[in-house]
Amino acid sequence: MHRNSTLQSLKRTSGRAILFSSNGSFRGFLALLLVATLLLTACEEKKPFQLPEQIVLTEKVYQKKEPVYMEWIGTLTGSVNASIRAQVGGYLIKQDYVEGTMVKAGTVLFEIDPRPYQASLDQAKGTLAAAQATQLKSQQDMERYKGLVTSGAVSQQEYQNEVQVNDANLAQVAAAQAAVQLAQLNLGYTKIKSAVDGVAGIAEAQVGDLIGQNVEMTTVSTIDPIKAVFNVSEQLYLNFMMEHPELAQQEAAQKNAVLELLLSDGLPYDQKGTLDIINRQVNQQTGTIQLVGLFPNPNGVLRPGSFVRVRMSGKKLQDTIMVPQQAVMQLQTMYVMAVVNPDNTIKIVNVQVGNQIGNKWVITSGLTSGDNIVVEGVDKVKDGQKVNPQPFVDPTVTPPAAQTNAAPAPGQ
């Protein structure tokens, strides 16, 4: 329906309405006028509804000279991990330490009911006393027989018999003394002590439990220093050996190696580490060799079991593009980013990622220097979409202090 035809219909209809109204029907005229108005409204061309442009935070990226890093996934473990086990069985009557706290070597951690072992010790002491009394009598008899054999009152054979009896009694005394020592040890084992300085873990047994011999009670780990265990490829190890063919060179390179830890939040640990151990063999299943780094941990921030990234810096520099981590979106096995074209439309690109350095990610391919990337809002845009780009401000970078024209305070 066109607007002109509608107007002509309205004129014809209005003429008839006027005639009809002249006959006295003003209501009919109003009805026809309302119908005409509705027809005109329906024929107006409607403008399509447009959504506001999506606001995204963007940042331009450029190639910079960055050092080459070698990085591996590692696991933290105590420099010493002592498994504390019960050496005797019995009822657990006391726990003497607070779980998760530092303990010293020799600190009593648990106590087992000592009464059965005290009774065994008392019995062993009684047996020893009896054996010593018997041996004392046999020694006196032997000495008496020794004098009589000289005078011929007893035969040499009788004297030798007394010597043998005394020797047997001496052996009984030695056995009884060993039994006393064993009973004393067992009584001492009812107090289960820490073998090393470190952090004592959660107890594996509760007060009132019947504990068997060799049952693990807890673990104490020495965490200062703490170890980071990681695996490097056999090829990398061979390259290292070829670059340092002499044993003295290898020892010096290992001593001078500086390691860095990246924690689970991506930020570096504030203490540098050293390369402590290169394992003796290559894992045939994975083709890797195990290395151990040693890191100071005076405040106990690092704990065994944590996954970390161990980084060793190289001497070379290369052109690298680094982007904020949130600018990269992972889709199964692919990594994608959003680039803002000059006309403010979105272009979705596939990228290859490298090492993670702090809160940045190295992009090895897919971007070019000068690209304007979407940092915040990459998950809200699609290819070809028009956006409203706004500059991204990195919250981890402290801006320079704002200058003011305020009058200086007194004394300034």
Foldseek 3Di string as FASTA:
>chain_A
DDPVVLVVVLVVVLVVLVVVVVVPCVVVNVVSVVVSVVVNVVPDDDDDDDDDFAEFAWDFWFWDWDFDKDKFKWFWFFPDKDFFFQQAWAAWADADDDAFDWDAFFAFGTAGPLVVLVVQLVVLVVQLVVLVVQLVVLVVVLVVVVVCVVVPNDPPVVSVVSVVSNVVSVVSNVVSVVSNVVSVVNSVSSRGTHRHTAGWHDFPDDHGDTGHHGHGGTMGGHVFWMKIKTKDALVVVVVLCVVQVDPVSSVVCQAPWKKWKQAPQRAIDPWIWGWDDWDDDADPVPRITMTMIITGDVPVPDDGGGMIMMMTTDDGIDTWIKDFPQQWDDDPPWIWGWFQDPQQFTDIWTWDWDDRHRRIITTPDTDHRGTITGRPCRVPHDGGGHHHYDHDDDPVDDDPDDDDPDDDDPPD
